Amino acid sequence: MMHQLIDRKLRLFFYLILFLLLSTQISKNNNIKNNIKNKLNNVEVTGLSEENNFKVYESLEFLLTESIFFINEKKLQNILKKNNLIDYFYVKKVYPNSIKVKIKQTDLLAITSQNSKKFYIGSNGKLISINQIKDVNSNLPFVYSKSNYIDFVKLKKIIDKSEFKFEEIESFYYFQSNRWDIKTKNGFLIKLPEKNVAKSLKFVELIINNKKFEDKKVIDLRIAKNIILSNE
Protein backbone atom coordinates (compact mmCIF):
# COMPACT_ATOMS: atom_id res chain seq x y z
CA MET A 1 0.00 0.00 0.00
CA MET A 2 2.75 2.34 0.98
CA HIS A 3 4.69 1.44 -2.13
CA GLN A 4 1.73 2.22 -4.40
CA LEU A 5 1.28 5.61 -2.73
CA ILE A 6 4.92 6.50 -3.37
CA ASP A 7 4.63 5.40 -7.01
CA ARG A 8 1.56 7.54 -7.43
CA LYS A 9 3.35 10.58 -6.01
CA LEU A 10 6.31 10.00 -8.30
CA ARG A 11 4.03 9.76 -11.32
CA LEU A 12 2.27 13.00 -10.34
CA PHE A 13 5.63 14.70 -9.89
CA PHE A 14 6.79 13.41 -13.27
CA TYR A 15 3.62 14.67 -15.01
CA LEU A 16 3.98 18.04 -13.32
CA ILE A 17 7.55 18.43 -14.56
CA LEU A 18 6.52 17.30 -18.03
CA PHE A 19 3.65 19.82 -18.04
CA LEU A 20 5.97 22.68 -17.03
CA LEU A 21 8.49 21.74 -19.72
CA LEU A 22 5.82 21.60 -22.39
CA SER A 23 4.31 24.92 -21.22
CA THR A 24 7.72 26.60 -21.37
CA GLN A 25 8.36 25.24 -24.87
CA ILE A 26 4.94 26.41 -26.07
CA SER A 27 5.59 29.83 -24.56
CA LYS A 28 8.96 30.02 -26.33
CA ASN A 29 7.41 28.99 -29.63
CA ASN A 30 4.69 31.61 -29.24
CA ASN A 31 7.29 34.27 -28.49
CA ILE A 32 9.22 33.33 -31.61
CA LYS A 33 6.04 33.47 -33.68
CA ASN A 34 5.11 36.84 -32.20
CA ASN A 35 8.59 38.23 -32.87
CA ILE A 36 8.35 37.14 -36.49
CA LYS A 37 4.84 38.49 -36.75
CA ASN A 38 5.85 41.85 -35.24
CA LYS A 39 9.06 42.31 -37.22
CA LEU A 40 9.08 45.72 -38.89
CA ASN A 41 8.31 45.77 -42.60
CA ASN A 42 7.73 49.49 -43.07
CA VAL A 43 9.61 52.66 -42.07
CA GLU A 44 7.91 55.88 -43.18
CA VAL A 45 9.89 59.15 -43.18
CA THR A 46 8.28 62.55 -43.78
CA GLY A 47 9.18 66.22 -43.35
CA LEU A 48 12.10 66.71 -45.76
CA SER A 49 12.33 66.71 -49.54
CA GLU A 50 11.63 63.40 -51.26
CA GLU A 51 15.35 62.87 -51.84
CA ASN A 52 16.37 63.68 -48.26
CA ASN A 53 13.50 61.62 -46.82
CA PHE A 54 14.86 58.65 -48.76
CA LYS A 55 18.39 59.23 -47.44
CA VAL A 56 17.06 59.17 -43.88
CA TYR A 57 15.09 56.01 -44.71
CA GLU A 58 18.27 54.31 -46.00
CA SER A 59 20.05 55.14 -42.74
CA LEU A 60 17.21 53.46 -40.82
CA GLU A 61 16.85 50.30 -42.91
CA PHE A 62 18.54 48.30 -40.14
CA LEU A 63 15.23 48.57 -38.26
CA LEU A 64 13.61 46.20 -40.75
CA THR A 65 15.43 43.30 -39.08
CA GLU A 66 14.02 44.13 -35.64
CA SER A 67 10.79 43.44 -33.80
CA ILE A 68 8.69 46.51 -33.11
CA PHE A 69 8.98 45.61 -29.42
CA PHE A 70 12.79 45.61 -29.42
CA ILE A 71 13.76 48.61 -31.56
CA ASN A 72 17.22 49.98 -30.81
CA GLU A 73 15.84 53.43 -29.99
CA LYS A 74 19.19 54.88 -28.91
CA LYS A 75 20.80 53.95 -32.22
CA LEU A 76 17.80 55.36 -34.11
CA GLN A 77 17.97 58.67 -32.20
CA ASN A 78 21.73 59.00 -32.66
CA ILE A 79 21.39 58.58 -36.43
CA LEU A 80 18.68 61.25 -36.63
CA LYS A 81 20.56 63.67 -34.37
CA LYS A 82 23.61 63.47 -36.66
CA ASN A 83 21.57 64.64 -39.64
CA ASN A 84 22.20 68.42 -39.84
CA LEU A 85 18.98 69.01 -41.77
CA ILE A 86 16.86 67.91 -38.82
CA ASP A 87 15.72 70.41 -36.22
CA TYR A 88 13.70 67.89 -34.25
CA PHE A 89 11.87 64.62 -34.89
CA TYR A 90 9.06 62.41 -33.58
CA VAL A 91 9.03 58.63 -33.86
CA LYS A 92 5.71 56.78 -33.63
CA LYS A 93 5.26 53.01 -33.49
CA VAL A 94 2.31 51.77 -35.53
CA TYR A 95 1.49 48.24 -34.43
CA PRO A 96 2.01 45.55 -35.43
CA ASN A 97 4.95 46.21 -37.78
CA SER A 98 5.49 49.82 -38.83
CA ILE A 99 7.03 53.05 -37.55
CA LYS A 100 6.61 56.64 -38.69
CA VAL A 101 9.41 59.20 -38.41
CA LYS A 102 8.12 62.76 -38.62
CA ILE A 103 10.85 65.39 -39.12
CA LYS A 104 10.89 69.15 -38.70
CA GLN A 105 13.54 70.52 -41.07
CA THR A 106 15.80 73.20 -39.63
CA ASP A 107 15.16 76.73 -40.90
CA LEU A 108 17.86 78.09 -43.21
CA LEU A 109 19.07 81.37 -41.69
CA ALA A 110 22.20 82.35 -43.60
CA ILE A 111 25.03 81.21 -45.86
CA THR A 112 28.67 80.78 -44.90
CA SER A 113 31.83 79.26 -46.34
CA GLN A 114 34.16 76.53 -45.10
CA ASN A 115 37.22 75.42 -47.09
CA SER A 116 35.93 77.21 -50.21
CA LYS A 117 32.58 75.37 -49.98
CA LYS A 118 29.29 77.08 -49.23
CA PHE A 119 26.92 75.96 -46.50
CA TYR A 120 23.62 77.03 -45.03
CA ILE A 121 23.51 77.82 -41.34
CA GLY A 122 20.45 76.14 -39.85
CA SER A 123 18.35 77.34 -36.93
CA ASN A 124 19.83 74.34 -35.09
CA GLY A 125 23.28 75.96 -35.34
CA LYS A 126 24.58 73.30 -37.75
CA LEU A 127 26.00 73.61 -41.26
CA ILE A 128 24.08 72.12 -44.18
CA SER A 129 25.74 71.66 -47.56
CA ILE A 130 24.07 73.83 -50.18
CA ASN A 131 23.99 70.74 -52.42
CA GLN A 132 21.48 69.13 -50.04
CA ILE A 133 18.89 71.78 -50.90
CA LYS A 134 17.58 72.01 -54.46
CA ASP A 135 16.22 75.57 -54.34
CA VAL A 136 19.12 77.76 -53.22
CA ASN A 137 17.98 80.90 -51.38
CA SER A 138 20.33 83.67 -52.55
CA ASN A 139 18.54 86.31 -50.45
CA LEU A 140 19.95 85.02 -47.19
CA PRO A 141 22.72 87.06 -45.51
CA PHE A 142 26.33 85.86 -45.62
CA VAL A 143 28.14 85.08 -42.36
CA TYR A 144 31.89 85.63 -42.22
CA SER A 145 32.87 83.24 -39.45
CA LYS A 146 34.59 79.88 -39.18
CA SER A 147 32.77 78.89 -36.00
CA ASN A 148 30.31 80.20 -33.40
CA TYR A 149 27.25 79.37 -35.45
CA ILE A 150 25.26 78.77 -32.27
CA ASP A 151 26.15 82.35 -31.27
CA PHE A 152 24.90 83.51 -34.66
CA VAL A 153 21.56 81.77 -34.05
CA LYS A 154 21.32 83.53 -30.67
CA LEU A 155 22.07 86.88 -32.35
CA LYS A 156 19.38 86.21 -34.94
CA LYS A 157 16.83 85.64 -32.17
CA ILE A 158 17.81 88.96 -30.54
CA ILE A 159 17.39 90.75 -33.88
CA ASP A 160 13.98 89.15 -34.42
CA LYS A 161 12.79 90.57 -31.10
CA SER A 162 13.97 94.07 -32.01
CA GLU A 163 12.57 96.69 -34.39
CA PHE A 164 15.55 96.10 -36.68
CA LYS A 165 14.65 93.88 -39.64
CA PHE A 166 16.71 90.76 -40.28
CA GLU A 167 15.72 90.94 -43.97
CA GLU A 168 17.62 94.25 -44.27
CA ILE A 169 20.96 92.59 -43.46
CA GLU A 170 23.45 91.70 -46.18
CA SER A 171 26.22 90.17 -44.07
CA PHE A 172 27.57 89.40 -40.58
CA TYR A 173 31.20 89.55 -39.44
CA TYR A 174 32.33 87.70 -36.33
CA PHE A 175 35.35 88.84 -34.29
CA GLN A 176 37.43 86.89 -31.78
CA SER A 177 36.47 89.44 -29.12
CA ASN A 178 33.07 87.70 -29.23
CA ARG A 179 31.16 90.45 -30.99
CA TRP A 180 29.60 91.04 -34.40
CA ASP A 181 29.50 93.65 -37.15
CA ILE A 182 26.42 93.88 -39.36
CA LYS A 183 26.32 95.31 -42.88
CA THR A 184 22.88 96.25 -44.20
CA LYS A 185 21.69 96.05 -47.80
CA ASN A 186 21.51 99.84 -47.99
CA GLY A 187 25.15 100.28 -46.99
CA PHE A 188 25.19 100.78 -43.20
CA LEU A 189 27.92 99.14 -41.11
CA ILE A 190 26.80 98.51 -37.54
CA LYS A 191 29.48 97.67 -34.98
CA LEU A 192 27.74 95.84 -32.17
CA PRO A 193 29.07 95.63 -28.61
CA GLU A 194 30.05 92.37 -26.95
CA LYS A 195 27.21 92.71 -24.43
CA ASN A 196 23.78 94.36 -24.27
CA VAL A 197 23.15 93.80 -27.97
CA ALA A 198 19.37 94.01 -27.64
CA LYS A 199 19.61 97.42 -25.97
CA SER A 200 22.03 98.70 -28.63
CA LEU A 201 19.76 97.59 -31.49
CA LYS A 202 17.04 99.92 -30.20
CA PHE A 203 19.12 102.85 -31.42
CA VAL A 204 20.01 101.38 -34.82
CA GLU A 205 16.58 101.71 -36.42
CA LEU A 206 16.19 105.24 -35.03
CA ILE A 207 19.48 106.33 -36.56
CA ILE A 208 18.95 104.65 -39.93
CA ASN A 209 15.51 106.23 -40.32
CA ASN A 210 16.61 109.71 -39.22
CA LYS A 211 17.40 111.99 -42.19
CA LYS A 212 19.88 113.92 -40.06
CA PHE A 213 22.21 110.92 -40.22
CA GLU A 214 21.59 109.76 -43.78
CA ASP A 215 25.21 110.52 -44.72
CA LYS A 216 26.54 108.52 -41.75
CA LYS A 217 27.14 104.96 -42.86
CA VAL A 218 29.03 103.62 -39.82
CA ILE A 219 27.20 103.18 -36.52
CA ASP A 220 29.66 102.23 -33.77
CA LEU A 221 27.97 100.89 -30.63
CA ARG A 222 30.97 99.11 -29.13
CA ILE A 223 31.48 101.54 -26.23
CA ALA A 224 28.79 101.44 -23.55
CA LYS A 225 26.53 104.52 -23.43
CA ASN A 226 28.19 105.91 -26.57
CA ILE A 227 27.10 106.05 -30.21
CA ILE A 228 29.78 107.02 -32.71
CA LEU A 229 28.64 107.91 -36.22
CA SER A 230 31.00 108.35 -39.16
CA ASN A 231 31.19 108.14 -42.94
CA GLU A 232 33.83 105.41 -42.99
C-alpha atoms as a PDB file:
ATOM      1  CA  MET A   1       0.000   0.000   0.000  1.00  0.00           C
ATOM      2  CA  MET A   2       2.748   2.338   0.981  1.00  0.00           C
ATOM      3  CA  HIS A   3       4.693   1.439  -2.131  1.00  0.00           C
ATOM      4  CA  GLN A   4       1.732   2.218  -4.397  1.00  0.00           C
ATOM      5  CA  LEU A   5       1.275   5.606  -2.726  1.00  0.00           C
ATOM      6  CA  ILE A   6       4.918   6.505  -3.368  1.00  0.00           C
ATOM      7  CA  ASP A   7       4.626   5.402  -7.009  1.00  0.00           C
ATOM      8  CA  ARG A   8       1.558   7.538  -7.430  1.00  0.00           C
ATOM      9  CA  LYS A   9       3.348  10.582  -6.015  1.00  0.00           C
ATOM     10  CA  LEU A  10       6.307   9.997  -8.301  1.00  0.00           C
ATOM     11  CA  ARG A  11       4.032   9.761 -11.319  1.00  0.00           C
ATOM     12  CA  LEU A  12       2.273  12.998 -10.341  1.00  0.00           C
ATOM     13  CA  PHE A  13       5.632  14.697  -9.894  1.00  0.00           C
ATOM     14  CA  PHE A  14       6.792  13.408 -13.273  1.00  0.00           C
ATOM     15  CA  TYR A  15       3.617  14.674 -15.010  1.00  0.00           C
ATOM     16  CA  LEU A  16       3.977  18.044 -13.316  1.00  0.00           C
ATOM     17  CA  ILE A  17       7.555  18.432 -14.560  1.00  0.00           C
ATOM     18  CA  LEU A  18       6.517  17.302 -18.030  1.00  0.00           C
ATOM     19  CA  PHE A  19       3.645  19.822 -18.042  1.00  0.00           C
ATOM     20  CA  LEU A  20       5.969  22.677 -17.030  1.00  0.00           C
ATOM     21  CA  LEU A  21       8.491  21.742 -19.717  1.00  0.00           C
ATOM     22  CA  LEU A  22       5.815  21.599 -22.392  1.00  0.00           C
ATOM     23  CA  SER A  23       4.308  24.917 -21.224  1.00  0.00           C
ATOM     24  CA  THR A  24       7.720  26.599 -21.368  1.00  0.00           C
ATOM     25  CA  GLN A  25       8.356  25.243 -24.865  1.00  0.00           C
ATOM     26  CA  ILE A  26       4.944  26.411 -26.071  1.00  0.00           C
ATOM     27  CA  SER A  27       5.590  29.833 -24.561  1.00  0.00           C
ATOM     28  CA  LYS A  28       8.961  30.023 -26.332  1.00  0.00           C
ATOM     29  CA  ASN A  29       7.410  28.992 -29.633  1.00  0.00           C
ATOM     30  CA  ASN A  30       4.693  31.609 -29.238  1.00  0.00           C
ATOM     31  CA  ASN A  31       7.287  34.269 -28.495  1.00  0.00           C
ATOM     32  CA  ILE A  32       9.221  33.331 -31.611  1.00  0.00           C
ATOM     33  CA  LYS A  33       6.035  33.467 -33.676  1.00  0.00           C
ATOM     34  CA  ASN A  34       5.112  36.840 -32.200  1.00  0.00           C
ATOM     35  CA  ASN A  35       8.592  38.231 -32.868  1.00  0.00           C
ATOM     36  CA  ILE A  36       8.354  37.138 -36.494  1.00  0.00           C
ATOM     37  CA  LYS A  37       4.839  38.485 -36.748  1.00  0.00           C
ATOM     38  CA  ASN A  38       5.852  41.849 -35.245  1.00  0.00           C
ATOM     39  CA  LYS A  39       9.061  42.312 -37.223  1.00  0.00           C
ATOM     40  CA  LEU A  40       9.083  45.720 -38.894  1.00  0.00           C
ATOM     41  CA  ASN A  41       8.312  45.767 -42.601  1.00  0.00           C
ATOM     42  CA  ASN A  42       7.732  49.493 -43.071  1.00  0.00           C
ATOM     43  CA  VAL A  43       9.610  52.662 -42.067  1.00  0.00           C
ATOM     44  CA  GLU A  44       7.910  55.877 -43.178  1.00  0.00           C
ATOM     45  CA  VAL A  45       9.893  59.148 -43.181  1.00  0.00           C
ATOM     46  CA  THR A  46       8.284  62.553 -43.783  1.00  0.00           C
ATOM     47  CA  GLY A  47       9.182  66.222 -43.346  1.00  0.00           C
ATOM     48  CA  LEU A  48      12.097  66.710 -45.758  1.00  0.00           C
ATOM     49  CA  SER A  49      12.326  66.712 -49.540  1.00  0.00           C
ATOM     50  CA  GLU A  50      11.635  63.402 -51.262  1.00  0.00           C
ATOM     51  CA  GLU A  51      15.349  62.873 -51.842  1.00  0.00           C
ATOM     52  CA  ASN A  52      16.373  63.676 -48.258  1.00  0.00           C
ATOM     53  CA  ASN A  53      13.504  61.615 -46.822  1.00  0.00           C
ATOM     54  CA  PHE A  54      14.858  58.646 -48.762  1.00  0.00           C
ATOM     55  CA  LYS A  55      18.388  59.228 -47.442  1.00  0.00           C
ATOM     56  CA  VAL A  56      17.056  59.166 -43.885  1.00  0.00           C
ATOM     57  CA  TYR A  57      15.088  56.007 -44.713  1.00  0.00           C
ATOM     58  CA  GLU A  58      18.267  54.311 -45.999  1.00  0.00           C
ATOM     59  CA  SER A  59      20.050  55.137 -42.743  1.00  0.00           C
ATOM     60  CA  LEU A  60      17.211  53.458 -40.817  1.00  0.00           C
ATOM     61  CA  GLU A  61      16.852  50.298 -42.909  1.00  0.00           C
ATOM     62  CA  PHE A  62      18.542  48.301 -40.141  1.00  0.00           C
ATOM     63  CA  LEU A  63      15.231  48.574 -38.263  1.00  0.00           C
ATOM     64  CA  LEU A  64      13.610  46.201 -40.747  1.00  0.00           C
ATOM     65  CA  THR A  65      15.431  43.297 -39.078  1.00  0.00           C
ATOM     66  CA  GLU A  66      14.020  44.126 -35.637  1.00  0.00           C
ATOM     67  CA  SER A  67      10.787  43.436 -33.800  1.00  0.00           C
ATOM     68  CA  ILE A  68       8.691  46.514 -33.109  1.00  0.00           C
ATOM     69  CA  PHE A  69       8.985  45.610 -29.417  1.00  0.00           C
ATOM     70  CA  PHE A  70      12.792  45.614 -29.424  1.00  0.00           C
ATOM     71  CA  ILE A  71      13.764  48.609 -31.560  1.00  0.00           C
ATOM     72  CA  ASN A  72      17.220  49.975 -30.809  1.00  0.00           C
ATOM     73  CA  GLU A  73      15.843  53.425 -29.987  1.00  0.00           C
ATOM     74  CA  LYS A  74      19.193  54.876 -28.905  1.00  0.00           C
ATOM     75  CA  LYS A  75      20.801  53.948 -32.225  1.00  0.00           C
ATOM     76  CA  LEU A  76      17.802  55.361 -34.105  1.00  0.00           C
ATOM     77  CA  GLN A  77      17.973  58.669 -32.202  1.00  0.00           C
ATOM     78  CA  ASN A  78      21.734  59.005 -32.658  1.00  0.00           C
ATOM     79  CA  ILE A  79      21.386  58.581 -36.426  1.00  0.00           C
ATOM     80  CA  LEU A  80      18.680  61.251 -36.634  1.00  0.00           C
ATOM     81  CA  LYS A  81      20.563  63.668 -34.372  1.00  0.00           C
ATOM     82  CA  LYS A  82      23.614  63.467 -36.657  1.00  0.00           C
ATOM     83  CA  ASN A  83      21.573  64.645 -39.645  1.00  0.00           C
ATOM     84  CA  ASN A  84      22.198  68.423 -39.843  1.00  0.00           C
ATOM     85  CA  LEU A  85      18.978  69.006 -41.774  1.00  0.00           C
ATOM     86  CA  ILE A  86      16.859  67.905 -38.825  1.00  0.00           C
ATOM     87  CA  ASP A  87      15.723  70.414 -36.224  1.00  0.00           C
ATOM     88  CA  TYR A  88      13.699  67.892 -34.251  1.00  0.00           C
ATOM     89  CA  PHE A  89      11.867  64.622 -34.892  1.00  0.00           C
ATOM     90  CA  TYR A  90       9.063  62.411 -33.582  1.00  0.00           C
ATOM     91  CA  VAL A  91       9.026  58.625 -33.863  1.00  0.00           C
ATOM     92  CA  LYS A  92       5.705  56.776 -33.626  1.00  0.00           C
ATOM     93  CA  LYS A  93       5.261  53.006 -33.487  1.00  0.00           C
ATOM     94  CA  VAL A  94       2.315  51.771 -35.530  1.00  0.00           C
ATOM     95  CA  TYR A  95       1.494  48.236 -34.426  1.00  0.00           C
ATOM     96  CA  PRO A  96       2.015  45.546 -35.434  1.00  0.00           C
ATOM     97  CA  ASN A  97       4.951  46.207 -37.782  1.00  0.00           C
ATOM     98  CA  SER A  98       5.485  49.817 -38.830  1.00  0.00           C
ATOM     99  CA  ILE A  99       7.032  53.048 -37.548  1.00  0.00           C
ATOM    100  CA  LYS A 100       6.612  56.643 -38.692  1.00  0.00           C
ATOM    101  CA  VAL A 101       9.414  59.201 -38.415  1.00  0.00           C
ATOM    102  CA  LYS A 102       8.123  62.763 -38.623  1.00  0.00           C
ATOM    103  CA  ILE A 103      10.848  65.387 -39.118  1.00  0.00           C
ATOM    104  CA  LYS A 104      10.895  69.151 -38.704  1.00  0.00           C
ATOM    105  CA  GLN A 105      13.538  70.524 -41.065  1.00  0.00           C
ATOM    106  CA  THR A 106      15.804  73.196 -39.631  1.00  0.00           C
ATOM    107  CA  ASP A 107      15.158  76.726 -40.900  1.00  0.00           C
ATOM    108  CA  LEU A 108      17.863  78.086 -43.210  1.00  0.00           C
ATOM    109  CA  LEU A 109      19.072  81.371 -41.692  1.00  0.00           C
ATOM    110  CA  ALA A 110      22.198  82.347 -43.603  1.00  0.00           C
ATOM    111  CA  ILE A 111      25.030  81.208 -45.859  1.00  0.00           C
ATOM    112  CA  THR A 112      28.670  80.780 -44.899  1.00  0.00           C
ATOM    113  CA  SER A 113      31.833  79.263 -46.339  1.00  0.00           C
ATOM    114  CA  GLN A 114      34.162  76.529 -45.101  1.00  0.00           C
ATOM    115  CA  ASN A 115      37.217  75.418 -47.094  1.00  0.00           C
ATOM    116  CA  SER A 116      35.926  77.206 -50.211  1.00  0.00           C
ATOM    117  CA  LYS A 117      32.583  75.366 -49.982  1.00  0.00           C
ATOM    118  CA  LYS A 118      29.288  77.079 -49.228  1.00  0.00           C
ATOM    119  CA  PHE A 119      26.916  75.958 -46.500  1.00  0.00           C
ATOM    120  CA  TYR A 120      23.616  77.034 -45.035  1.00  0.00           C
ATOM    121  CA  ILE A 121      23.506  77.824 -41.339  1.00  0.00           C
ATOM    122  CA  GLY A 122      20.447  76.142 -39.854  1.00  0.00           C
ATOM    123  CA  SER A 123      18.355  77.340 -36.929  1.00  0.00           C
ATOM    124  CA  ASN A 124      19.834  74.335 -35.085  1.00  0.00           C
ATOM    125  CA  GLY A 125      23.282  75.957 -35.342  1.00  0.00           C
ATOM    126  CA  LYS A 126      24.579  73.303 -37.752  1.00  0.00           C
ATOM    127  CA  LEU A 127      25.998  73.605 -41.263  1.00  0.00           C
ATOM    128  CA  ILE A 128      24.081  72.120 -44.185  1.00  0.00           C
ATOM    129  CA  SER A 129      25.741  71.665 -47.559  1.00  0.00           C
ATOM    130  CA  ILE A 130      24.070  73.830 -50.182  1.00  0.00           C
ATOM    131  CA  ASN A 131      23.990  70.738 -52.420  1.00  0.00           C
ATOM    132  CA  GLN A 132      21.481  69.134 -50.038  1.00  0.00           C
ATOM    133  CA  ILE A 133      18.885  71.783 -50.899  1.00  0.00           C
ATOM    134  CA  LYS A 134      17.575  72.010 -54.455  1.00  0.00           C
ATOM    135  CA  ASP A 135      16.218  75.566 -54.341  1.00  0.00           C
ATOM    136  CA  VAL A 136      19.120  77.760 -53.224  1.00  0.00           C
ATOM    137  CA  ASN A 137      17.985  80.899 -51.385  1.00  0.00           C
ATOM    138  CA  SER A 138      20.325  83.670 -52.551  1.00  0.00           C
ATOM    139  CA  ASN A 139      18.537  86.310 -50.454  1.00  0.00           C
ATOM    140  CA  LEU A 140      19.952  85.025 -47.188  1.00  0.00           C
ATOM    141  CA  PRO A 141      22.725  87.062 -45.513  1.00  0.00           C
ATOM    142  CA  PHE A 142      26.327  85.860 -45.616  1.00  0.00           C
ATOM    143  CA  VAL A 143      28.142  85.081 -42.361  1.00  0.00           C
ATOM    144  CA  TYR A 144      31.886  85.630 -42.215  1.00  0.00           C
ATOM    145  CA  SER A 145      32.868  83.239 -39.447  1.00  0.00           C
ATOM    146  CA  LYS A 146      34.586  79.875 -39.182  1.00  0.00           C
ATOM    147  CA  SER A 147      32.766  78.895 -36.004  1.00  0.00           C
ATOM    148  CA  ASN A 148      30.312  80.196 -33.399  1.00  0.00           C
ATOM    149  CA  TYR A 149      27.246  79.367 -35.450  1.00  0.00           C
ATOM    150  CA  ILE A 150      25.264  78.770 -32.267  1.00  0.00           C
ATOM    151  CA  ASP A 151      26.151  82.352 -31.273  1.00  0.00           C
ATOM    152  CA  PHE A 152      24.898  83.515 -34.658  1.00  0.00           C
ATOM    153  CA  VAL A 153      21.561  81.769 -34.048  1.00  0.00           C
ATOM    154  CA  LYS A 154      21.324  83.533 -30.672  1.00  0.00           C
ATOM    155  CA  LEU A 155      22.071  86.881 -32.349  1.00  0.00           C
ATOM    156  CA  LYS A 156      19.382  86.213 -34.942  1.00  0.00           C
ATOM    157  CA  LYS A 157      16.829  85.637 -32.168  1.00  0.00           C
ATOM    158  CA  ILE A 158      17.808  88.956 -30.545  1.00  0.00           C
ATOM    159  CA  ILE A 159      17.393  90.752 -33.876  1.00  0.00           C
ATOM    160  CA  ASP A 160      13.977  89.147 -34.422  1.00  0.00           C
ATOM    161  CA  LYS A 161      12.794  90.574 -31.095  1.00  0.00           C
ATOM    162  CA  SER A 162      13.973  94.071 -32.007  1.00  0.00           C
ATOM    163  CA  GLU A 163      12.572  96.694 -34.395  1.00  0.00           C
ATOM    164  CA  PHE A 164      15.551  96.096 -36.675  1.00  0.00           C
ATOM    165  CA  LYS A 165      14.648  93.880 -39.638  1.00  0.00           C
ATOM    166  CA  PHE A 166      16.712  90.764 -40.283  1.00  0.00           C
ATOM    167  CA  GLU A 167      15.720  90.941 -43.971  1.00  0.00           C
ATOM    168  CA  GLU A 168      17.620  94.246 -44.270  1.00  0.00           C
ATOM    169  CA  ILE A 169      20.957  92.593 -43.460  1.00  0.00           C
ATOM    170  CA  GLU A 170      23.453  91.704 -46.177  1.00  0.00           C
ATOM    171  CA  SER A 171      26.222  90.166 -44.071  1.00  0.00           C
ATOM    172  CA  PHE A 172      27.567  89.403 -40.584  1.00  0.00           C
ATOM    173  CA  TYR A 173      31.195  89.546 -39.443  1.00  0.00           C
ATOM    174  CA  TYR A 174      32.325  87.702 -36.328  1.00  0.00           C
ATOM    175  CA  PHE A 175      35.353  88.841 -34.288  1.00  0.00           C
ATOM    176  CA  GLN A 176      37.430  86.885 -31.780  1.00  0.00           C
ATOM    177  CA  SER A 177      36.473  89.437 -29.125  1.00  0.00           C
ATOM    178  CA  ASN A 178      33.068  87.703 -29.233  1.00  0.00           C
ATOM    179  CA  ARG A 179      31.163  90.446 -30.991  1.00  0.00           C
ATOM    180  CA  TRP A 180      29.602  91.044 -34.401  1.00  0.00           C
ATOM    181  CA  ASP A 181      29.500  93.650 -37.148  1.00  0.00           C
ATOM    182  CA  ILE A 182      26.425  93.884 -39.360  1.00  0.00           C
ATOM    183  CA  LYS A 183      26.321  95.306 -42.880  1.00  0.00           C
ATOM    184  CA  THR A 184      22.882  96.245 -44.200  1.00  0.00           C
ATOM    185  CA  LYS A 185      21.690  96.049 -47.801  1.00  0.00           C
ATOM    186  CA  ASN A 186      21.515  99.839 -47.991  1.00  0.00           C
ATOM    187  CA  GLY A 187      25.150 100.283 -46.986  1.00  0.00           C
ATOM    188  CA  PHE A 188      25.193 100.784 -43.204  1.00  0.00           C
ATOM    189  CA  LEU A 189      27.916  99.137 -41.113  1.00  0.00           C
ATOM    190  CA  ILE A 190      26.803  98.505 -37.541  1.00  0.00           C
ATOM    191  CA  LYS A 191      29.481  97.666 -34.982  1.00  0.00           C
ATOM    192  CA  LEU A 192      27.739  95.836 -32.175  1.00  0.00           C
ATOM    193  CA  PRO A 193      29.068  95.631 -28.605  1.00  0.00           C
ATOM    194  CA  GLU A 194      30.047  92.366 -26.949  1.00  0.00           C
ATOM    195  CA  LYS A 195      27.205  92.708 -24.433  1.00  0.00           C
ATOM    196  CA  ASN A 196      23.775  94.356 -24.266  1.00  0.00           C
ATOM    197  CA  VAL A 197      23.152  93.799 -27.968  1.00  0.00           C
ATOM    198  CA  ALA A 198      19.368  94.013 -27.638  1.00  0.00           C
ATOM    199  CA  LYS A 199      19.613  97.422 -25.972  1.00  0.00           C
ATOM    200  CA  SER A 200      22.033  98.699 -28.626  1.00  0.00           C
ATOM    201  CA  LEU A 201      19.758  97.585 -31.486  1.00  0.00           C
ATOM    202  CA  LYS A 202      17.039  99.920 -30.204  1.00  0.00           C
ATOM    203  CA  PHE A 203      19.125 102.850 -31.416  1.00  0.00           C
ATOM    204  CA  VAL A 204      20.007 101.382 -34.817  1.00  0.00           C
ATOM    205  CA  GLU A 205      16.578 101.707 -36.417  1.00  0.00           C
ATOM    206  CA  LEU A 206      16.186 105.241 -35.034  1.00  0.00           C
ATOM    207  CA  ILE A 207      19.480 106.334 -36.557  1.00  0.00           C
ATOM    208  CA  ILE A 208      18.952 104.651 -39.933  1.00  0.00           C
ATOM    209  CA  ASN A 209      15.506 106.227 -40.320  1.00  0.00           C
ATOM    210  CA  ASN A 210      16.614 109.705 -39.221  1.00  0.00           C
ATOM    211  CA  LYS A 211      17.401 111.985 -42.188  1.00  0.00           C
ATOM    212  CA  LYS A 212      19.884 113.924 -40.061  1.00  0.00           C
ATOM    213  CA  PHE A 213      22.205 110.924 -40.215  1.00  0.00           C
ATOM    214  CA  GLU A 214      21.589 109.761 -43.785  1.00  0.00           C
ATOM    215  CA  ASP A 215      25.210 110.519 -44.717  1.00  0.00           C
ATOM    216  CA  LYS A 216      26.538 108.523 -41.745  1.00  0.00           C
ATOM    217  CA  LYS A 217      27.141 104.960 -42.858  1.00  0.00           C
ATOM    218  CA  VAL A 218      29.033 103.623 -39.822  1.00  0.00           C
ATOM    219  CA  ILE A 219      27.204 103.180 -36.519  1.00  0.00           C
ATOM    220  CA  ASP A 220      29.655 102.231 -33.770  1.00  0.00           C
ATOM    221  CA  LEU A 221      27.973 100.887 -30.626  1.00  0.00           C
ATOM    222  CA  ARG A 222      30.972  99.111 -29.129  1.00  0.00           C
ATOM    223  CA  ILE A 223      31.480 101.543 -26.232  1.00  0.00           C
ATOM    224  CA  ALA A 224      28.793 101.442 -23.547  1.00  0.00           C
ATOM    225  CA  LYS A 225      26.531 104.521 -23.425  1.00  0.00           C
ATOM    226  CA  ASN A 226      28.191 105.912 -26.567  1.00  0.00           C
ATOM    227  CA  ILE A 227      27.102 106.048 -30.206  1.00  0.00           C
ATOM    228  CA  ILE A 228      29.777 107.024 -32.712  1.00  0.00           C
ATOM    229  CA  LEU A 229      28.642 107.913 -36.219  1.00  0.00           C
ATOM    230  CA  SER A 230      30.999 108.350 -39.163  1.00  0.00           C
ATOM    231  CA  ASN A 231      31.191 108.135 -42.943  1.00  0.00           C
ATOM    232  CA  GLU A 232      33.834 105.414 -42.989  1.00  0.00           C
END
